C-alpha atoms as a PDB file:
ATOM      1  CA  MET A   1     -93.825 169.505 193.427  1.00  0.00           C
ATOM      2  CA  THR A   2     -92.342 169.639 196.925  1.00  0.00           C
ATOM      3  CA  ASP A   3     -92.858 165.883 197.435  1.00  0.00           C
ATOM      4  CA  MET A   4     -90.919 165.164 194.216  1.00  0.00           C
ATOM      5  CA  THR A   5     -88.040 167.461 195.272  1.00  0.00           C
ATOM      6  CA  ASP A   6     -87.876 165.823 198.716  1.00  0.00           C
ATOM      7  CA  LYS A   7     -87.762 162.346 197.125  1.00  0.00           C
ATOM      8  CA  THR A   8     -84.969 163.467 194.745  1.00  0.00           C
ATOM      9  CA  ASN A   9     -82.952 164.943 197.654  1.00  0.00           C
ATOM     10  CA  ASP A  10     -83.485 161.786 199.719  1.00  0.00           C
ATOM     11  CA  ALA A  11     -82.280 159.613 196.823  1.00  0.00           C
ATOM     12  CA  GLY A  12     -79.181 161.803 196.370  1.00  0.00           C
ATOM     13  CA  ASP A  13     -78.378 161.677 200.101  1.00  0.00           C
ATOM     14  CA  HIS A  14     -78.814 157.901 200.111  1.00  0.00           C
ATOM     15  CA  ALA A  15     -76.478 157.510 197.096  1.00  0.00           C
ATOM     16  CA  ARG A  16     -73.803 159.708 198.771  1.00  0.00           C
ATOM     17  CA  ARG A  17     -74.037 157.671 201.990  1.00  0.00           C
ATOM     18  CA  GLU A  18     -73.688 154.417 200.042  1.00  0.00           C
ATOM     19  CA  THR A  19     -70.668 155.766 198.143  1.00  0.00           C
ATOM     20  CA  ASP A  20     -69.043 156.957 201.387  1.00  0.00           C
ATOM     21  CA  ARG A  21     -69.701 153.560 203.002  1.00  0.00           C
ATOM     22  CA  ALA A  22     -68.214 151.684 200.014  1.00  0.00           C
ATOM     23  CA  GLU A  23     -65.113 153.923 200.003  1.00  0.00           C
ATOM     24  CA  SER A  24     -64.678 153.430 203.747  1.00  0.00           C
ATOM     25  CA  GLN A  25     -64.920 149.652 203.386  1.00  0.00           C
ATOM     26  CA  ALA A  26     -62.396 149.619 200.522  1.00  0.00           C
ATOM     27  CA  LEU A  27     -59.900 151.705 202.524  1.00  0.00           C
ATOM     28  CA  SER A  28     -60.418 149.480 205.555  1.00  0.00           C
ATOM     29  CA  LEU A  29     -59.717 146.340 203.498  1.00  0.00           C
ATOM     30  CA  LEU A  30     -56.531 147.890 202.070  1.00  0.00           C
ATOM     31  CA  ALA A  31     -55.361 148.774 205.573  1.00  0.00           C
ATOM     32  CA  GLN A  32     -56.086 145.223 206.794  1.00  0.00           C
ATOM     33  CA  ASP A  33     -53.969 143.869 203.938  1.00  0.00           C
ATOM     34  CA  GLY A  34     -51.021 145.875 205.235  1.00  0.00           C
ATOM     35  CA  PHE A  35     -51.040 148.768 202.774  1.00  0.00           C
ATOM     36  CA  ALA A  36     -49.779 152.056 204.200  1.00  0.00           C
ATOM     37  CA  LEU A  37     -52.451 154.618 203.495  1.00  0.00           C
ATOM     38  CA  THR A  38     -51.076 158.113 203.073  1.00  0.00           C
ATOM     39  CA  VAL A  39     -52.777 161.216 201.778  1.00  0.00           C
ATOM     40  CA  SER A  40     -51.402 162.806 198.653  1.00  0.00           C
ATOM     41  CA  GLY A  41     -50.677 166.505 198.730  1.00  0.00           C
ATOM     42  CA  GLY A  42     -52.831 167.847 195.931  1.00  0.00           C
ATOM     43  CA  LEU A  43     -52.601 171.318 194.489  1.00  0.00           C
ATOM     44  CA  ALA A  44     -54.799 174.069 195.874  1.00  0.00           C
ATOM     45  CA  GLY A  45     -58.402 173.264 195.010  1.00  0.00           C
ATOM     46  CA  ASP A  46     -57.635 169.643 194.088  1.00  0.00           C
ATOM     47  CA  VAL A  47     -59.289 166.771 195.864  1.00  0.00           C
ATOM     48  CA  ASP A  48     -56.832 164.826 198.006  1.00  0.00           C
ATOM     49  CA  LEU A  49     -57.104 161.116 197.329  1.00  0.00           C
ATOM     50  CA  PRO A  50     -55.574 158.358 199.422  1.00  0.00           C
ATOM     51  CA  LYS A  51     -52.249 156.960 198.177  1.00  0.00           C
ATOM     52  CA  PRO A  52     -52.335 153.294 199.165  1.00  0.00           C
ATOM     53  CA  TYR A  53     -48.832 152.693 197.820  1.00  0.00           C
ATOM     54  CA  GLY A  54     -46.722 155.262 199.686  1.00  0.00           C
ATOM     55  CA  THR A  55     -43.087 154.836 198.670  1.00  0.00           C
ATOM     56  CA  THR A  56     -39.929 155.341 200.705  1.00  0.00           C
ATOM     57  CA  ILE A  57     -36.840 155.951 198.572  1.00  0.00           C
ATOM     58  CA  THR A  58     -33.315 155.834 199.991  1.00  0.00           C
ATOM     59  CA  LEU A  59     -31.445 158.668 198.285  1.00  0.00           C
ATOM     60  CA  VAL A  60     -28.055 158.170 199.967  1.00  0.00           C
ATOM     61  CA  ASP A  61     -27.299 154.836 201.670  1.00  0.00           C
ATOM     62  CA  ARG A  62     -24.590 156.101 203.994  1.00  0.00           C
ATOM     63  CA  THR A  63     -23.142 159.532 204.678  1.00  0.00           C
ATOM     64  CA  TYR A  64     -22.208 161.556 207.719  1.00  0.00           C
ATOM     65  CA  LEU A  65     -23.360 164.917 209.009  1.00  0.00           C
ATOM     66  CA  VAL A  66     -20.883 167.763 209.115  1.00  0.00           C
ATOM     67  CA  GLY A  67     -20.746 169.672 212.390  1.00  0.00           C
ATOM     68  CA  GLY A  68     -19.261 172.897 211.034  1.00  0.00           C
ATOM     69  CA  ARG A  69     -17.176 174.452 208.288  1.00  0.00           C
ATOM     70  CA  GLY A  70     -13.565 173.411 207.770  1.00  0.00           C
ATOM     71  CA  PHE A  71     -11.988 170.241 209.102  1.00  0.00           C
ATOM     72  CA  GLY A  72     -11.476 171.592 212.637  1.00  0.00           C
ATOM     73  CA  GLY A  73     -15.229 171.914 213.224  1.00  0.00           C
ATOM     74  CA  SER A  74     -16.450 169.181 210.927  1.00  0.00           C
ATOM     75  CA  GLY A  75     -16.940 166.462 213.550  1.00  0.00           C
ATOM     76  CA  ALA A  76     -19.828 166.085 215.982  1.00  0.00           C
ATOM     77  CA  ASP A  77     -19.384 167.916 219.282  1.00  0.00           C
ATOM     78  CA  GLU A  78     -20.567 166.720 222.713  1.00  0.00           C
ATOM     79  CA  GLY A  79     -23.938 168.495 222.380  1.00  0.00           C
ATOM     80  CA  MET A  80     -24.664 166.700 219.116  1.00  0.00           C
ATOM     81  CA  LEU A  81     -23.662 163.350 220.581  1.00  0.00           C
ATOM     82  CA  GLU A  82     -25.858 163.959 223.627  1.00  0.00           C
ATOM     83  CA  GLY A  83     -28.776 164.706 221.277  1.00  0.00           C
ATOM     84  CA  ILE A  84     -28.328 161.272 219.698  1.00  0.00           C
ATOM     85  CA  ARG A  85     -28.005 159.539 223.096  1.00  0.00           C
ATOM     86  CA  SER A  86     -31.080 161.235 224.558  1.00  0.00           C
ATOM     87  CA  ALA A  87     -33.239 160.247 221.582  1.00  0.00           C
ATOM     88  CA  GLY A  88     -33.113 156.587 222.612  1.00  0.00           C
ATOM     89  CA  SER A  89     -34.597 154.409 219.900  1.00  0.00           C
ATOM     90  CA  GLU A  90     -35.777 157.361 217.775  1.00  0.00           C
ATOM     91  CA  THR A  91     -33.823 157.182 214.530  1.00  0.00           C
ATOM     92  CA  ARG A  92     -35.630 159.696 212.290  1.00  0.00           C
ATOM     93  CA  ILE A  93     -33.734 162.975 212.041  1.00  0.00           C
ATOM     94  CA  VAL A  94     -35.514 166.100 210.810  1.00  0.00           C
ATOM     95  CA  LEU A  95     -33.957 167.907 207.868  1.00  0.00           C
ATOM     96  CA  ARG A  96     -34.639 171.611 207.360  1.00  0.00           C
ATOM     97  CA  ARG A  97     -33.594 173.911 204.542  1.00  0.00           C
ATOM     98  CA  GLU A  98     -31.490 176.968 205.359  1.00  0.00           C
ATOM     99  CA  PRO A  99     -31.484 178.825 201.992  1.00  0.00           C
ATOM    100  CA  ASP A 100     -30.260 182.099 203.513  1.00  0.00           C
ATOM    101  CA  ASP A 101     -26.891 180.624 204.529  1.00  0.00           C
ATOM    102  CA  ALA A 102     -24.343 183.008 202.933  1.00  0.00           C
ATOM    103  CA  ALA A 103     -21.640 180.329 202.704  1.00  0.00           C
ATOM    104  CA  ASP A 104     -23.836 177.739 200.959  1.00  0.00           C
ATOM    105  CA  PRO A 105     -27.355 178.431 199.601  1.00  0.00           C
ATOM    106  CA  TRP A 106     -28.042 174.653 199.482  1.00  0.00           C
ATOM    107  CA  THR A 107     -27.550 174.144 203.239  1.00  0.00           C
ATOM    108  CA  VAL A 108     -29.715 171.428 204.798  1.00  0.00           C
ATOM    109  CA  GLU A 109     -29.633 171.297 208.608  1.00  0.00           C
ATOM    110  CA  ALA A 110     -30.276 168.140 210.636  1.00  0.00           C
ATOM    111  CA  SER A 111     -31.832 168.076 214.117  1.00  0.00           C
ATOM    112  CA  LEU A 112     -33.312 165.544 216.495  1.00  0.00           C
ATOM    113  CA  ASP A 113     -35.842 166.636 219.108  1.00  0.00           C
ATOM    114  CA  GLY A 114     -34.767 170.242 218.512  1.00  0.00           C
ATOM    115  CA  VAL A 115     -31.035 169.516 219.026  1.00  0.00           C
ATOM    116  CA  PHE A 116     -28.838 170.608 216.097  1.00  0.00           C
ATOM    117  CA  LEU A 117     -26.832 167.612 214.841  1.00  0.00           C
ATOM    118  CA  GLY A 118     -25.069 169.134 211.852  1.00  0.00           C
ATOM    119  CA  VAL A 119     -25.620 169.725 208.160  1.00  0.00           C
ATOM    120  CA  VAL A 120     -25.738 167.487 205.096  1.00  0.00           C
ATOM    121  CA  ARG A 121     -22.326 167.419 203.410  1.00  0.00           C
ATOM    122  CA  ALA A 122     -21.809 169.985 200.628  1.00  0.00           C
ATOM    123  CA  HIS A 123     -21.303 167.454 197.843  1.00  0.00           C
ATOM    124  CA  GLU A 124     -24.702 165.855 198.636  1.00  0.00           C
ATOM    125  CA  ASN A 125     -26.810 168.772 199.794  1.00  0.00           C
ATOM    126  CA  GLU A 126     -27.788 170.408 196.470  1.00  0.00           C
ATOM    127  CA  ILE A 127     -29.923 167.486 195.267  1.00  0.00           C
ATOM    128  CA  ILE A 128     -31.508 167.079 198.717  1.00  0.00           C
ATOM    129  CA  ALA A 129     -32.194 170.836 198.903  1.00  0.00           C
ATOM    130  CA  ARG A 130     -33.778 170.882 195.446  1.00  0.00           C
ATOM    131  CA  LEU A 131     -36.077 167.976 196.353  1.00  0.00           C
ATOM    132  CA  MET A 132     -37.083 169.717 199.584  1.00  0.00           C
ATOM    133  CA  ASP A 133     -37.671 173.006 197.743  1.00  0.00           C
ATOM    134  CA  ALA A 134     -39.965 171.097 195.369  1.00  0.00           C
ATOM    135  CA  GLY A 135     -42.062 169.995 198.352  1.00  0.00           C
ATOM    136  CA  LYS A 136     -40.692 166.473 198.846  1.00  0.00           C
ATOM    137  CA  HIS A 137     -40.429 165.114 202.387  1.00  0.00           C
ATOM    138  CA  VAL A 138     -36.787 164.186 202.959  1.00  0.00           C
ATOM    139  CA  TYR A 139     -35.373 163.067 206.299  1.00  0.00           C
ATOM    140  CA  ALA A 140     -32.321 161.273 207.675  1.00  0.00           C
ATOM    141  CA  GLU A 141     -32.230 157.922 209.460  1.00  0.00           C
ATOM    142  CA  TYR A 142     -29.566 157.589 212.158  1.00  0.00           C
ATOM    143  CA  LEU A 143     -27.213 154.661 211.524  1.00  0.00           C
ATOM    144  CA  GLU A 144     -24.343 154.942 214.015  1.00  0.00           C
ATOM    145  CA  THR A 145     -21.780 157.197 215.631  1.00  0.00           C
ATOM    146  CA  GLU A 146     -18.147 156.575 214.745  1.00  0.00           C
ATOM    147  CA  THR A 147     -15.377 157.730 217.072  1.00  0.00           C
ATOM    148  CA  LEU A 148     -11.822 158.221 215.818  1.00  0.00           C
ATOM    149  CA  GLY A 149      -9.854 159.424 218.838  1.00  0.00           C
ATOM    150  CA  GLU A 150     -11.471 162.768 219.721  1.00  0.00           C
ATOM    151  CA  TYR A 151     -13.229 163.032 216.348  1.00  0.00           C
ATOM    152  CA  HIS A 152     -16.861 161.860 216.052  1.00  0.00           C
ATOM    153  CA  ARG A 153     -19.022 161.259 212.986  1.00  0.00           C
ATOM    154  CA  ILE A 154     -22.791 160.830 212.973  1.00  0.00           C
ATOM    155  CA  TRP A 155     -23.609 158.426 210.126  1.00  0.00           C
ATOM    156  CA  VAL A 156     -27.045 158.613 208.491  1.00  0.00           C
ATOM    157  CA  SER A 157     -28.945 157.542 205.406  1.00  0.00           C
ATOM    158  CA  LEU A 158     -30.975 160.166 203.506  1.00  0.00           C
ATOM    159  CA  VAL A 159     -34.531 159.076 202.712  1.00  0.00           C
ATOM    160  CA  MET A 160     -37.472 160.554 200.814  1.00  0.00           C
ATOM    161  CA  GLU A 161     -41.143 159.685 201.269  1.00  0.00           C
ATOM    162  CA  ASP A 162     -43.048 159.959 198.037  1.00  0.00           C
END
């Protein structure tokens, strides 16, 4: 009886190794063909499967970050501009929810390498905040800095990876 059990276990192990090898080859071929392989975020207990067709969706083509509340503080200050300059070629800006903001519960803050750059404008932040609260990965891509006299705007696009 033991010999039969050993043979059954060996056959099962061999089948699992063959399946793993076939999956690895398929993923390798997809990667060679230029597909971006990302891992889906399954629910607790679900098996995470590769997502060979990761999608990037531009939510807002062009907007600017607000430095503070009211027009007087709405432009980018020198610290924010220095954060952009020091980043070099890095254009991806981290967005973080700030739901405890008493003035606006939909506040979405933007930072680059830990430097606060501003917040997403109030007329655009609710949709972005709701997507982020639902677990979507939303970030900003730096486009340019506009200077109007002493007033500076940091222009970005808002992007979601799905």
